[in-house]
Amino acid sequence: MRERPRHEHPCPKPPALELILITGVSGSGKSVALNALEDAGYYCVDNLPPDLLLPFAALEQRQRAPRVAVAMDARSASALPLVPQQLAMLRAQGVAVRLLFLDASNDTLVRRYSETRRRHPLSRRDIADQQLALVQAIELERELLAELREQAHVVDSSLMLRAQLQRYIKTIITAPADQLLLVFQSFAFKRGTPVDADFIFDVRMLPNPHYEAELRPLTGRDAPVMAFLSGQPDVERMFSDISGFVGGWLDPLARDHRSYVTVGVGCTGGQHRSVYLVERLAAHFSGQWTTLKRHREID
């Protein structure tokens, strides 16, 4: 009697690995971001040497870990040039890779190091002026990380509290990894321009609700302010100009494999005009693109 052929049951395909790489300048909040990802269910590894990135990803795929996050910084300076090629190889293998770069202004970084009395990992001990040594170390670190920054979604943590940064990181990772993410951000010029913006638009020449007593305590998300600004021809012209410019470049940016585009809109106080325009721009583009909005001064 002939034995019946056995039906082979193929092994289930392991889930696609999602890998988030966090890098950035020292003191910008990488550990805070990694903690946020751990809270969100990612398996996290801090200060992974770049030489181990590919073996680590292969191990996690074999163990069928769906979501992992690793942090790298300038302490691995000699091996950092390997990372862009490694990320390209992982993407070719079907790994969903996200690259987040934490940044902050030099003034903010100097203040944070002064408050914590920690030493920058690249600081030189042979310079008597320690603040000068710190600034030089920060600039050297920016040079070492410049190529990674060009490929990443940059997050400016200069004016963020710990909880704000954690919320923002959790918001970013909810967006699809394989689509261009469009971030609109309002800000106040009097508190400095955001270092993470790809485009910055100055709307300080527009009529200012701050000078209307009943509108002053409100924001650009409140109906009276929205009504006031929507009735101004210059505001409508500004919205049309910004939306036309940004919209005209999104397809070329997507074809260039850009994963993130951040558009900053600034006014004097970051409360009325910039907030109103960011709300309208995010709503305008949300039908075609994955959009996020952030109001730096009022969130």
Protein backbone atom coordinates (compact mmCIF):
# COMPACT_ATOMS: atom_id res chain seq x y z
CA MET A 1 0.00 0.00 0.00
CA ARG A 2 1.43 3.29 -1.13
CA GLU A 3 1.86 5.91 1.55
CA ARG A 4 -0.12 9.06 1.02
CA PRO A 5 1.99 12.12 0.32
CA ARG A 6 2.36 14.38 3.26
CA HIS A 7 1.12 17.92 2.91
CA GLU A 8 3.81 20.35 3.81
CA HIS A 9 2.73 23.17 6.07
CA PRO A 10 4.89 26.17 5.35
CA CYS A 11 6.26 27.98 8.36
CA PRO A 12 4.38 31.18 9.00
CA LYS A 13 6.18 34.21 7.68
CA PRO A 14 7.72 36.20 10.51
CA PRO A 15 6.23 39.65 11.03
CA ALA A 16 8.03 42.52 9.34
CA LEU A 17 10.51 44.14 11.66
CA GLU A 18 10.04 47.82 12.49
CA LEU A 19 13.28 49.45 13.59
CA ILE A 20 13.59 53.00 14.91
CA LEU A 21 17.09 54.43 15.11
CA ILE A 22 17.47 57.40 17.45
CA THR A 23 20.52 59.58 17.18
CA GLY A 24 21.39 63.22 17.71
CA VAL A 25 23.55 65.58 19.65
CA SER A 26 24.37 64.79 23.27
CA GLY A 27 22.01 66.49 25.68
CA SER A 28 19.13 66.73 23.20
CA GLY A 29 16.92 64.09 24.83
CA LYS A 30 17.77 60.77 23.17
CA SER A 31 17.29 58.87 26.43
CA VAL A 32 13.89 60.53 26.93
CA ALA A 33 12.87 59.54 23.41
CA LEU A 34 14.05 55.97 23.97
CA ASN A 35 12.03 55.79 27.19
CA ALA A 36 8.96 56.97 25.29
CA LEU A 37 9.42 54.17 22.75
CA GLU A 38 9.87 51.62 25.52
CA ASP A 39 6.59 52.81 27.03
CA ALA A 40 5.01 52.35 23.58
CA GLY A 41 6.04 48.68 23.46
CA TYR A 42 9.38 48.78 21.64
CA TYR A 43 12.33 46.65 22.69
CA CYS A 44 15.00 49.29 23.23
CA VAL A 45 18.81 49.20 23.25
CA ASP A 46 20.86 52.26 24.18
CA ASN A 47 24.26 53.10 22.67
CA LEU A 48 24.37 50.17 20.26
CA PRO A 49 27.71 50.14 18.36
CA PRO A 50 27.05 50.62 14.62
CA ASP A 51 29.03 47.44 13.85
CA LEU A 52 26.32 45.46 15.64
CA LEU A 53 23.29 47.01 13.92
CA LEU A 54 22.91 44.39 11.18
CA PRO A 55 23.52 41.38 13.47
CA PHE A 56 21.11 42.85 16.00
CA ALA A 57 18.39 43.30 13.38
CA ALA A 58 18.92 39.75 12.10
CA LEU A 59 18.66 38.37 15.63
CA GLU A 60 15.44 40.25 16.31
CA GLN A 61 13.95 39.03 13.03
CA ARG A 62 14.77 35.42 13.96
CA GLN A 63 13.15 35.94 17.34
CA ARG A 64 10.16 37.54 15.59
CA ALA A 65 10.32 40.75 17.55
CA PRO A 66 8.01 43.16 15.71
CA ARG A 67 9.26 46.51 17.02
CA VAL A 68 12.71 47.53 18.21
CA ALA A 69 14.46 50.83 18.82
CA VAL A 70 18.15 51.57 19.19
CA ALA A 71 20.07 54.71 20.10
CA MET A 72 23.46 55.66 18.69
CA ASP A 73 25.58 58.73 19.23
CA ALA A 74 28.98 60.23 18.61
CA ARG A 75 30.65 57.90 21.12
CA SER A 76 30.75 55.47 18.16
CA ALA A 77 32.28 58.14 15.91
CA SER A 78 34.67 55.88 14.00
CA ALA A 79 31.86 53.55 12.88
CA LEU A 80 29.12 56.13 12.22
CA PRO A 81 29.89 56.34 8.46
CA LEU A 82 28.69 52.73 8.19
CA VAL A 83 25.16 53.52 9.34
CA PRO A 84 23.57 55.03 6.17
CA GLN A 85 24.60 52.00 4.11
CA GLN A 86 23.40 49.65 6.84
CA LEU A 87 19.99 51.35 6.92
CA ALA A 88 19.74 51.01 3.13
CA MET A 89 20.51 47.29 3.42
CA LEU A 90 17.85 46.83 6.09
CA ARG A 91 15.25 48.60 3.97
CA ALA A 92 16.15 46.36 1.04
CA GLN A 93 15.45 43.38 3.31
CA GLY A 94 11.96 44.67 4.04
CA VAL A 95 12.68 46.21 7.43
CA ALA A 96 10.59 49.32 8.12
CA VAL A 97 13.29 51.78 9.20
CA ARG A 98 12.69 55.14 10.84
CA LEU A 99 15.51 57.52 11.66
CA LEU A 100 14.91 60.19 14.31
CA PHE A 101 17.49 62.88 15.04
CA LEU A 102 17.21 64.77 18.33
CA ASP A 103 18.60 68.28 18.18
CA ALA A 104 18.66 71.47 20.25
CA SER A 105 20.20 74.91 20.04
CA ASN A 106 23.74 75.39 21.30
CA ASP A 107 22.52 77.71 24.05
CA THR A 108 20.10 75.05 25.26
CA LEU A 109 22.76 72.34 25.23
CA VAL A 110 25.25 74.51 27.13
CA ARG A 111 22.60 75.31 29.73
CA ARG A 112 21.63 71.65 30.15
CA TYR A 113 25.24 70.58 30.63
CA SER A 114 25.77 73.39 33.12
CA GLU A 115 22.70 72.36 35.11
CA THR A 116 23.58 68.67 35.23
CA ARG A 117 27.37 69.24 35.56
CA ARG A 118 27.93 66.35 33.18
CA ARG A 119 30.84 66.23 30.75
CA HIS A 120 30.25 66.10 27.01
CA PRO A 121 31.57 62.78 25.62
CA LEU A 122 33.74 64.64 23.09
CA SER A 123 35.02 67.37 25.41
CA ARG A 124 38.76 67.96 25.45
CA ARG A 125 40.43 68.15 28.83
CA ASP A 126 43.34 70.28 27.63
CA ILE A 127 41.26 73.45 27.17
CA ALA A 128 41.16 75.68 30.24
CA ASP A 129 37.91 77.42 29.28
CA GLN A 130 35.39 74.62 29.84
CA GLN A 131 32.49 76.46 28.15
CA LEU A 132 34.64 76.92 25.06
CA ALA A 133 35.54 73.24 25.22
CA LEU A 134 31.85 72.34 25.45
CA VAL A 135 30.87 74.49 22.46
CA GLN A 136 33.70 73.01 20.39
CA ALA A 137 32.62 69.50 21.36
CA ILE A 138 29.03 70.25 20.32
CA GLU A 139 30.15 71.57 16.93
CA LEU A 140 32.41 68.55 16.37
CA GLU A 141 29.52 66.25 17.21
CA ARG A 142 27.28 68.04 14.69
CA GLU A 143 29.91 67.47 12.00
CA LEU A 144 30.16 63.76 12.83
CA LEU A 145 26.39 63.32 12.69
CA ALA A 146 25.67 65.59 9.70
CA GLU A 147 25.05 62.77 7.19
CA LEU A 148 22.59 61.00 9.49
CA ARG A 149 20.80 64.28 10.18
CA GLU A 150 20.23 64.79 6.45
CA GLN A 151 18.31 61.49 6.26
CA ALA A 152 16.36 61.81 9.49
CA HIS A 153 13.26 63.39 10.87
CA VAL A 154 14.76 66.11 13.05
CA VAL A 155 13.10 66.85 16.40
CA ASP A 156 14.03 70.16 18.04
CA SER A 157 13.84 69.63 21.79
CA SER A 158 15.16 73.09 22.72
CA LEU A 159 11.91 74.32 24.28
CA MET A 160 10.32 70.97 25.15
CA LEU A 161 9.77 69.64 28.61
CA ARG A 162 10.41 65.94 29.15
CA ALA A 163 6.71 65.04 28.96
CA GLN A 164 6.22 67.12 25.80
CA LEU A 165 9.08 65.36 24.04
CA GLN A 166 7.75 61.95 25.04
CA ARG A 167 4.28 62.82 23.70
CA TYR A 168 5.72 64.13 20.44
CA ILE A 169 7.82 61.01 19.86
CA LYS A 170 4.78 58.80 20.47
CA THR A 171 2.79 60.91 18.00
CA ILE A 172 5.45 60.63 15.30
CA ILE A 173 5.60 56.83 15.44
CA THR A 174 1.85 56.51 14.84
CA ALA A 175 2.36 57.74 11.27
CA PRO A 176 2.90 55.10 8.54
CA ALA A 177 6.62 54.40 8.12
CA ASP A 178 6.43 54.07 4.33
CA GLN A 179 4.80 57.45 3.63
CA LEU A 180 6.08 61.00 3.66
CA LEU A 181 5.15 62.66 6.95
CA LEU A 182 4.33 66.37 6.72
CA VAL A 183 4.72 68.27 9.99
CA PHE A 184 3.41 71.83 10.38
CA GLN A 185 4.80 73.73 13.35
CA SER A 186 3.90 77.16 14.71
CA PHE A 187 6.46 79.11 16.72
CA ALA A 188 7.39 82.53 18.09
CA PHE A 189 10.34 84.33 16.52
CA LYS A 190 11.04 86.00 19.85
CA ARG A 191 11.96 82.57 21.26
CA GLY A 192 14.12 81.55 18.30
CA THR A 193 13.55 79.65 15.09
CA PRO A 194 13.13 75.85 15.28
CA VAL A 195 16.24 73.95 14.22
CA ASP A 196 14.18 71.07 12.82
CA ALA A 197 12.29 73.02 10.12
CA ASP A 198 12.93 72.31 6.44
CA PHE A 199 10.98 75.43 5.43
CA ILE A 200 10.27 78.52 7.53
CA PHE A 201 7.62 81.13 6.72
CA ASP A 202 7.49 84.50 8.47
CA VAL A 203 3.92 85.78 8.93
CA ARG A 204 4.65 88.70 11.28
CA MET A 205 3.48 91.22 8.67
CA LEU A 206 -0.12 89.97 8.91
CA PRO A 207 -2.81 91.73 11.01
CA ASN A 208 -2.23 90.78 14.64
CA PRO A 209 -5.15 89.72 16.89
CA HIS A 210 -2.95 90.56 19.88
CA TYR A 211 -3.98 94.20 19.48
CA GLU A 212 -7.67 93.34 19.81
CA ALA A 213 -8.41 93.29 23.55
CA GLU A 214 -11.04 90.55 23.35
CA LEU A 215 -8.80 88.33 21.18
CA ARG A 216 -5.52 88.77 23.06
CA PRO A 217 -6.00 85.90 25.57
CA LEU A 218 -7.22 83.50 22.88
CA THR A 219 -5.26 81.45 20.33
CA GLY A 220 -5.48 80.73 16.63
CA ARG A 221 -7.57 77.65 17.42
CA ASP A 222 -10.39 79.70 18.94
CA ALA A 223 -13.37 80.64 16.78
CA PRO A 224 -13.22 84.45 17.32
CA VAL A 225 -9.57 84.57 16.27
CA MET A 226 -10.25 82.32 13.30
CA ALA A 227 -13.10 84.58 12.22
CA PHE A 228 -10.94 87.67 12.56
CA LEU A 229 -8.05 86.24 10.53
CA SER A 230 -10.15 84.55 7.86
CA GLY A 231 -11.62 87.93 7.00
CA GLN A 232 -8.21 89.46 6.25
CA PRO A 233 -7.21 89.44 2.54
CA ASP A 234 -3.49 89.35 3.38
CA VAL A 235 -4.01 86.24 5.53
CA GLU A 236 -5.81 84.49 2.70
CA ARG A 237 -3.04 85.47 0.31
CA MET A 238 -0.40 84.13 2.72
CA PHE A 239 -2.26 80.82 3.11
CA SER A 240 -2.52 80.50 -0.67
CA ASP A 241 1.17 81.28 -1.17
CA ILE A 242 2.40 78.84 1.50
CA SER A 243 0.08 76.01 0.47
CA GLY A 244 0.99 76.50 -3.19
CA PHE A 245 4.73 76.50 -2.53
CA VAL A 246 4.70 73.49 -0.18
CA GLY A 247 2.26 71.54 -2.32
CA GLY A 248 4.37 72.09 -5.40
CA TRP A 249 7.41 70.44 -3.82
CA LEU A 250 5.94 67.48 -1.94
CA ASP A 251 5.87 65.08 -4.89
CA PRO A 252 9.53 65.78 -5.80
CA LEU A 253 10.51 65.38 -2.14
CA ALA A 254 8.65 62.06 -1.93
CA ARG A 255 10.34 60.85 -5.13
CA ASP A 256 13.66 61.74 -3.52
CA HIS A 257 12.77 59.27 -0.75
CA ARG A 258 12.28 61.96 1.88
CA SER A 259 10.37 60.50 4.81
CA TYR A 260 9.71 63.71 6.71
CA VAL A 261 9.16 67.37 5.87
CA THR A 262 8.74 69.97 8.61
CA VAL A 263 7.23 73.36 7.78
CA GLY A 264 7.64 76.12 10.36
CA VAL A 265 5.25 79.09 10.44
CA GLY A 266 6.33 81.87 12.78
CA CYS A 267 4.84 85.05 14.15
CA THR A 268 5.82 87.30 17.04
CA GLY A 269 4.28 85.37 19.94
CA GLY A 270 3.38 82.03 18.35
CA GLN A 271 -0.18 82.28 19.64
CA HIS A 272 -2.50 83.66 16.96
CA ARG A 273 -1.43 84.03 13.33
CA SER A 274 1.05 81.14 13.08
CA VAL A 275 -1.28 78.82 14.99
CA TYR A 276 -4.22 79.70 12.74
CA LEU A 277 -2.23 79.08 9.56
CA VAL A 278 -0.76 75.80 10.83
CA GLU A 279 -4.26 74.54 11.62
CA ARG A 280 -5.49 75.46 8.13
CA LEU A 281 -2.44 74.06 6.36
CA ALA A 282 -2.62 70.75 8.23
CA ALA A 283 -6.30 70.42 7.35
CA HIS A 284 -5.62 71.37 3.73
CA PHE A 285 -2.93 68.71 3.18
CA SER A 286 -4.39 65.95 5.36
CA GLY A 287 -6.52 64.55 2.55
CA GLN A 288 -3.47 63.57 0.47
CA TRP A 289 -0.57 63.38 2.90
CA THR A 290 0.03 62.10 6.42
CA THR A 291 0.15 65.30 8.46
CA LEU A 292 0.95 66.29 12.02
CA LYS A 293 0.74 69.69 13.65
CA ARG A 294 2.65 71.10 16.57
CA HIS A 295 2.23 74.45 18.30
CA ARG A 296 5.55 75.02 20.03
CA GLU A 297 4.48 77.88 22.28
CA ILE A 298 0.98 76.80 23.33
CA ASP A 299 1.06 73.00 23.38
